[in-house]
Amino acid sequence: MMTTLSVGDTRAWIDRFADAAEDQFDSLTDLDRLVGDGDFGMNLRTGLRSAVQRLRSDPPTSPGEVFARTSDAFLGIGGTSGPLLGLWFGRIGAVSGVEVTATDLASA
């Protein structure tokens, strides 16, 4: 069982999150239409695509940088999910060091 995330692990986690969001885009949008305005799938896709691009164009050197760039990507989109995910990733992005622990994630 993994108890820490290195920069590579963290980037891979964001990539898998982005892939899963792409795969579930229609379902996420349909679910949000039932209770909201149906923009969750698009906002999640937009934020994650931006995050992946930011990580590829300027590779981070720590897990905190991965999360901080992901935060910036989400803070740049609208809806409710953009600011909420941006704040959450920003809290995780405040950790320092070459690894993020389960405790760091839970604290965020």
N, C-alpha and C. Protein backbone atom coordinates (compact mmCIF):
# COMPACT_ATOMS: atom_id res chain seq x y z
N MET A 1 0.84 -1.18 0.00
CA MET A 1 0.00 0.00 0.00
C MET A 1 0.89 1.25 0.00
N MET A 2 0.58 2.19 -0.88
CA MET A 2 1.34 3.43 -0.98
C MET A 2 0.91 4.39 0.11
N THR A 3 1.88 4.94 0.82
CA THR A 3 1.55 5.90 1.88
C THR A 3 2.08 7.29 1.57
N THR A 4 2.85 7.43 0.50
CA THR A 4 3.34 8.74 0.09
C THR A 4 3.23 8.86 -1.43
N LEU A 5 3.20 10.10 -1.89
CA LEU A 5 3.17 10.39 -3.32
C LEU A 5 4.42 11.20 -3.68
N SER A 6 5.18 10.70 -4.64
CA SER A 6 6.30 11.46 -5.19
C SER A 6 5.75 12.37 -6.29
N VAL A 7 6.60 13.18 -6.88
CA VAL A 7 6.16 14.05 -7.97
C VAL A 7 5.64 13.21 -9.14
N GLY A 8 6.30 12.11 -9.46
CA GLY A 8 5.85 11.24 -10.55
C GLY A 8 4.51 10.59 -10.25
N ASP A 9 4.36 10.12 -9.01
CA ASP A 9 3.09 9.52 -8.60
C ASP A 9 1.96 10.55 -8.69
N THR A 10 2.26 11.76 -8.27
CA THR A 10 1.25 12.82 -8.23
C THR A 10 0.83 13.21 -9.64
N ARG A 11 1.80 13.34 -10.53
CA ARG A 11 1.46 13.64 -11.93
C ARG A 11 0.63 12.52 -12.54
N ALA A 12 1.00 11.28 -12.26
CA ALA A 12 0.25 10.14 -12.79
C ALA A 12 -1.19 10.14 -12.25
N TRP A 13 -1.35 10.53 -10.97
CA TRP A 13 -2.68 10.59 -10.37
C TRP A 13 -3.54 11.63 -11.09
N ILE A 14 -2.98 12.80 -11.37
CA ILE A 14 -3.73 13.84 -12.09
C ILE A 14 -4.06 13.37 -13.50
N ASP A 15 -3.12 12.72 -14.16
CA ASP A 15 -3.38 12.19 -15.51
C ASP A 15 -4.52 11.17 -15.49
N ARG A 16 -4.52 10.27 -14.50
CA ARG A 16 -5.60 9.28 -14.40
C ARG A 16 -6.94 9.95 -14.08
N PHE A 17 -6.90 10.96 -13.25
CA PHE A 17 -8.12 11.72 -12.93
C PHE A 17 -8.66 12.37 -14.20
N ALA A 18 -7.78 12.96 -14.99
CA ALA A 18 -8.19 13.60 -16.25
C ALA A 18 -8.77 12.57 -17.21
N ASP A 19 -8.14 11.41 -17.32
CA ASP A 19 -8.65 10.36 -18.20
C ASP A 19 -10.02 9.87 -17.75
N ALA A 20 -10.19 9.68 -16.45
CA ALA A 20 -11.48 9.22 -15.91
C ALA A 20 -12.57 10.27 -16.15
N ALA A 21 -12.22 11.54 -16.00
CA ALA A 21 -13.20 12.61 -16.23
C ALA A 21 -13.62 12.63 -17.70
N GLU A 22 -12.68 12.40 -18.60
CA GLU A 22 -13.01 12.33 -20.03
C GLU A 22 -13.95 11.15 -20.28
N ASP A 23 -13.62 10.00 -19.70
CA ASP A 23 -14.44 8.80 -19.90
C ASP A 23 -15.85 8.97 -19.36
N GLN A 24 -16.00 9.74 -18.29
CA GLN A 24 -17.30 9.89 -17.63
C GLN A 24 -17.97 11.23 -17.93
N PHE A 25 -17.46 11.95 -18.91
CA PHE A 25 -17.96 13.29 -19.22
C PHE A 25 -19.49 13.32 -19.36
N ASP A 26 -20.03 12.46 -20.20
CA ASP A 26 -21.47 12.49 -20.44
C ASP A 26 -22.26 12.16 -19.18
N SER A 27 -21.81 11.17 -18.43
CA SER A 27 -22.51 10.80 -17.20
C SER A 27 -22.48 11.93 -16.17
N LEU A 28 -21.32 12.57 -16.02
CA LEU A 28 -21.20 13.67 -15.06
C LEU A 28 -22.10 14.84 -15.46
N THR A 29 -22.15 15.11 -16.75
CA THR A 29 -23.00 16.19 -17.24
C THR A 29 -24.47 15.86 -17.02
N ASP A 30 -24.86 14.63 -17.35
CA ASP A 30 -26.25 14.22 -17.17
C ASP A 30 -26.67 14.26 -15.71
N LEU A 31 -25.81 13.79 -14.82
CA LEU A 31 -26.13 13.83 -13.39
C LEU A 31 -26.31 15.26 -12.91
N ASP A 32 -25.46 16.16 -13.36
CA ASP A 32 -25.57 17.55 -12.93
C ASP A 32 -26.83 18.20 -13.49
N ARG A 33 -27.27 17.77 -14.64
CA ARG A 33 -28.52 18.32 -15.20
C ARG A 33 -29.72 17.98 -14.33
N LEU A 34 -29.64 16.87 -13.60
CA LEU A 34 -30.75 16.48 -12.74
C LEU A 34 -30.94 17.43 -11.56
N VAL A 35 -29.86 18.05 -11.10
CA VAL A 35 -29.95 18.90 -9.91
C VAL A 35 -29.38 20.29 -10.12
N GLY A 36 -28.81 20.55 -11.27
CA GLY A 36 -28.17 21.84 -11.49
C GLY A 36 -28.27 22.26 -12.93
N ASP A 37 -27.22 22.94 -13.38
CA ASP A 37 -27.26 23.49 -14.73
C ASP A 37 -26.50 22.64 -15.75
N GLY A 38 -25.96 21.51 -15.33
CA GLY A 38 -25.32 20.59 -16.26
C GLY A 38 -23.93 20.96 -16.69
N ASP A 39 -23.26 21.82 -15.93
CA ASP A 39 -21.93 22.26 -16.35
C ASP A 39 -20.78 21.52 -15.67
N PHE A 40 -21.07 20.59 -14.76
CA PHE A 40 -19.99 19.94 -14.01
C PHE A 40 -19.03 19.17 -14.90
N GLY A 41 -19.55 18.38 -15.83
CA GLY A 41 -18.68 17.62 -16.73
C GLY A 41 -17.75 18.54 -17.50
N MET A 42 -18.29 19.62 -18.03
CA MET A 42 -17.48 20.55 -18.83
C MET A 42 -16.46 21.27 -17.95
N ASN A 43 -16.86 21.70 -16.77
CA ASN A 43 -15.92 22.39 -15.90
C ASN A 43 -14.80 21.47 -15.42
N LEU A 44 -15.15 20.23 -15.10
CA LEU A 44 -14.13 19.27 -14.68
C LEU A 44 -13.17 18.99 -15.82
N ARG A 45 -13.72 18.76 -17.02
CA ARG A 45 -12.89 18.51 -18.20
C ARG A 45 -11.96 19.70 -18.47
N THR A 46 -12.52 20.90 -18.46
CA THR A 46 -11.73 22.09 -18.76
C THR A 46 -10.60 22.28 -17.75
N GLY A 47 -10.92 22.14 -16.46
CA GLY A 47 -9.90 22.30 -15.43
C GLY A 47 -8.80 21.26 -15.53
N LEU A 48 -9.17 20.02 -15.75
CA LEU A 48 -8.16 18.96 -15.83
C LEU A 48 -7.34 19.04 -17.10
N ARG A 49 -7.96 19.40 -18.21
CA ARG A 49 -7.17 19.58 -19.43
C ARG A 49 -6.15 20.70 -19.25
N SER A 50 -6.57 21.77 -18.64
CA SER A 50 -5.66 22.88 -18.37
C SER A 50 -4.54 22.46 -17.43
N ALA A 51 -4.88 21.71 -16.40
CA ALA A 51 -3.87 21.25 -15.45
C ALA A 51 -2.84 20.36 -16.13
N VAL A 52 -3.30 19.40 -16.93
CA VAL A 52 -2.38 18.50 -17.62
C VAL A 52 -1.46 19.28 -18.55
N GLN A 53 -2.01 20.25 -19.26
CA GLN A 53 -1.19 21.08 -20.15
C GLN A 53 -0.14 21.87 -19.36
N ARG A 54 -0.53 22.44 -18.25
CA ARG A 54 0.40 23.19 -17.41
C ARG A 54 1.53 22.29 -16.91
N LEU A 55 1.18 21.07 -16.53
CA LEU A 55 2.19 20.13 -16.00
C LEU A 55 3.14 19.67 -17.10
N ARG A 56 2.64 19.54 -18.32
CA ARG A 56 3.50 19.12 -19.44
C ARG A 56 4.41 20.26 -19.91
N SER A 57 3.89 21.47 -19.92
CA SER A 57 4.68 22.59 -20.45
C SER A 57 5.76 23.06 -19.50
N ASP A 58 5.56 22.86 -18.21
CA ASP A 58 6.54 23.28 -17.21
C ASP A 58 6.57 22.23 -16.10
N PRO A 59 7.32 21.13 -16.30
CA PRO A 59 7.29 20.01 -15.36
C PRO A 59 7.61 20.44 -13.92
N PRO A 60 6.76 20.05 -12.99
CA PRO A 60 6.98 20.38 -11.58
C PRO A 60 8.09 19.51 -10.98
N THR A 61 8.62 19.98 -9.87
CA THR A 61 9.69 19.24 -9.21
C THR A 61 9.27 18.68 -7.86
N SER A 62 8.02 18.93 -7.46
CA SER A 62 7.52 18.40 -6.19
C SER A 62 6.03 18.13 -6.31
N PRO A 63 5.51 17.27 -5.46
CA PRO A 63 4.06 17.03 -5.46
C PRO A 63 3.26 18.31 -5.20
N GLY A 64 3.77 19.14 -4.30
CA GLY A 64 3.08 20.39 -4.02
C GLY A 64 2.91 21.25 -5.25
N GLU A 65 3.94 21.29 -6.11
CA GLU A 65 3.83 22.06 -7.35
C GLU A 65 2.79 21.47 -8.28
N VAL A 66 2.69 20.14 -8.32
CA VAL A 66 1.66 19.51 -9.15
C VAL A 66 0.28 19.98 -8.70
N PHE A 67 0.04 19.90 -7.41
CA PHE A 67 -1.26 20.30 -6.88
C PHE A 67 -1.50 21.80 -7.01
N ALA A 68 -0.47 22.61 -6.83
CA ALA A 68 -0.63 24.06 -6.98
C ALA A 68 -1.00 24.44 -8.41
N ARG A 69 -0.38 23.80 -9.40
CA ARG A 69 -0.72 24.09 -10.81
C ARG A 69 -2.12 23.59 -11.14
N THR A 70 -2.48 22.47 -10.56
CA THR A 70 -3.84 21.97 -10.76
C THR A 70 -4.84 22.94 -10.13
N SER A 71 -4.50 23.45 -8.98
CA SER A 71 -5.34 24.46 -8.33
C SER A 71 -5.53 25.68 -9.22
N ASP A 72 -4.43 26.20 -9.75
CA ASP A 72 -4.50 27.37 -10.62
C ASP A 72 -5.40 27.12 -11.83
N ALA A 73 -5.32 25.90 -12.38
CA ALA A 73 -6.15 25.57 -13.53
C ALA A 73 -7.63 25.62 -13.16
N PHE A 74 -7.99 25.08 -12.01
CA PHE A 74 -9.39 25.07 -11.60
C PHE A 74 -9.87 26.46 -11.20
N LEU A 75 -9.01 27.25 -10.60
CA LEU A 75 -9.43 28.60 -10.21
C LEU A 75 -9.71 29.47 -11.42
N GLY A 76 -9.24 29.06 -12.58
CA GLY A 76 -9.46 29.81 -13.80
C GLY A 76 -10.73 29.46 -14.54
N ILE A 77 -11.54 28.53 -14.00
CA ILE A 77 -12.79 28.18 -14.68
C ILE A 77 -13.97 28.58 -13.81
N GLY A 78 -15.15 28.53 -14.40
CA GLY A 78 -16.34 28.96 -13.69
C GLY A 78 -17.06 27.84 -12.97
N GLY A 79 -18.32 28.11 -12.71
CA GLY A 79 -19.15 27.15 -12.01
C GLY A 79 -18.80 27.07 -10.54
N THR A 80 -19.44 26.17 -9.88
CA THR A 80 -19.16 25.95 -8.47
C THR A 80 -17.93 25.07 -8.29
N SER A 81 -17.78 24.09 -9.17
CA SER A 81 -16.70 23.12 -9.02
C SER A 81 -15.32 23.74 -9.21
N GLY A 82 -15.19 24.72 -10.08
CA GLY A 82 -13.87 25.33 -10.32
C GLY A 82 -13.26 25.90 -9.04
N PRO A 83 -13.93 26.82 -8.39
CA PRO A 83 -13.38 27.37 -7.15
C PRO A 83 -13.21 26.33 -6.04
N LEU A 84 -14.18 25.42 -5.91
CA LEU A 84 -14.07 24.42 -4.84
C LEU A 84 -12.87 23.49 -5.06
N LEU A 85 -12.73 22.96 -6.27
CA LEU A 85 -11.59 22.10 -6.55
C LEU A 85 -10.29 22.90 -6.52
N GLY A 86 -10.33 24.14 -6.98
CA GLY A 86 -9.15 24.98 -6.92
C GLY A 86 -8.67 25.20 -5.49
N LEU A 87 -9.60 25.47 -4.59
CA LEU A 87 -9.23 25.66 -3.19
C LEU A 87 -8.68 24.37 -2.58
N TRP A 88 -9.33 23.25 -2.88
CA TRP A 88 -8.87 21.97 -2.32
C TRP A 88 -7.47 21.61 -2.82
N PHE A 89 -7.27 21.69 -4.13
CA PHE A 89 -5.94 21.40 -4.66
C PHE A 89 -4.91 22.41 -4.15
N GLY A 90 -5.34 23.64 -3.95
CA GLY A 90 -4.44 24.66 -3.40
C GLY A 90 -3.98 24.33 -2.00
N ARG A 91 -4.89 23.82 -1.18
CA ARG A 91 -4.50 23.41 0.18
C ARG A 91 -3.46 22.31 0.15
N ILE A 92 -3.66 21.33 -0.75
CA ILE A 92 -2.67 20.26 -0.87
C ILE A 92 -1.37 20.82 -1.44
N GLY A 93 -1.49 21.77 -2.35
CA GLY A 93 -0.31 22.36 -2.97
C GLY A 93 0.57 23.12 -2.00
N ALA A 94 0.04 23.44 -0.84
CA ALA A 94 0.82 24.16 0.17
C ALA A 94 1.83 23.26 0.89
N VAL A 95 1.73 21.94 0.70
CA VAL A 95 2.69 21.06 1.36
C VAL A 95 4.05 21.21 0.69
N SER A 96 5.09 21.01 1.46
CA SER A 96 6.42 21.12 0.90
C SER A 96 7.14 19.78 0.99
N GLY A 97 8.22 19.67 0.31
CA GLY A 97 8.99 18.43 0.33
C GLY A 97 8.81 17.63 -0.94
N VAL A 98 9.52 16.53 -1.00
CA VAL A 98 9.51 15.72 -2.22
C VAL A 98 8.45 14.64 -2.21
N GLU A 99 7.72 14.49 -1.10
CA GLU A 99 6.64 13.52 -1.01
C GLU A 99 5.47 14.10 -0.23
N VAL A 100 4.27 13.64 -0.60
CA VAL A 100 3.05 14.01 0.11
C VAL A 100 2.57 12.74 0.81
N THR A 101 2.25 12.86 2.08
CA THR A 101 1.80 11.70 2.84
C THR A 101 0.27 11.63 2.87
N ALA A 102 -0.24 10.50 3.29
CA ALA A 102 -1.67 10.35 3.48
C ALA A 102 -2.20 11.37 4.48
N THR A 103 -1.40 11.67 5.50
CA THR A 103 -1.79 12.67 6.50
C THR A 103 -1.91 14.05 5.85
N ASP A 104 -0.98 14.39 4.94
CA ASP A 104 -1.05 15.67 4.23
C ASP A 104 -2.35 15.77 3.43
N LEU A 105 -2.71 14.69 2.73
CA LEU A 105 -3.94 14.68 1.95
C LEU A 105 -5.17 14.81 2.84
N ALA A 106 -5.16 14.09 3.93
CA ALA A 106 -6.30 14.16 4.85
C ALA A 106 -6.43 15.55 5.47
N SER A 107 -5.33 16.18 5.78
CA SER A 107 -5.36 17.52 6.36
C SER A 107 -5.91 18.55 5.39
N ALA A 108 -5.60 18.37 4.12
CA ALA A 108 -6.10 19.29 3.09
C ALA A 108 -7.61 19.17 2.97
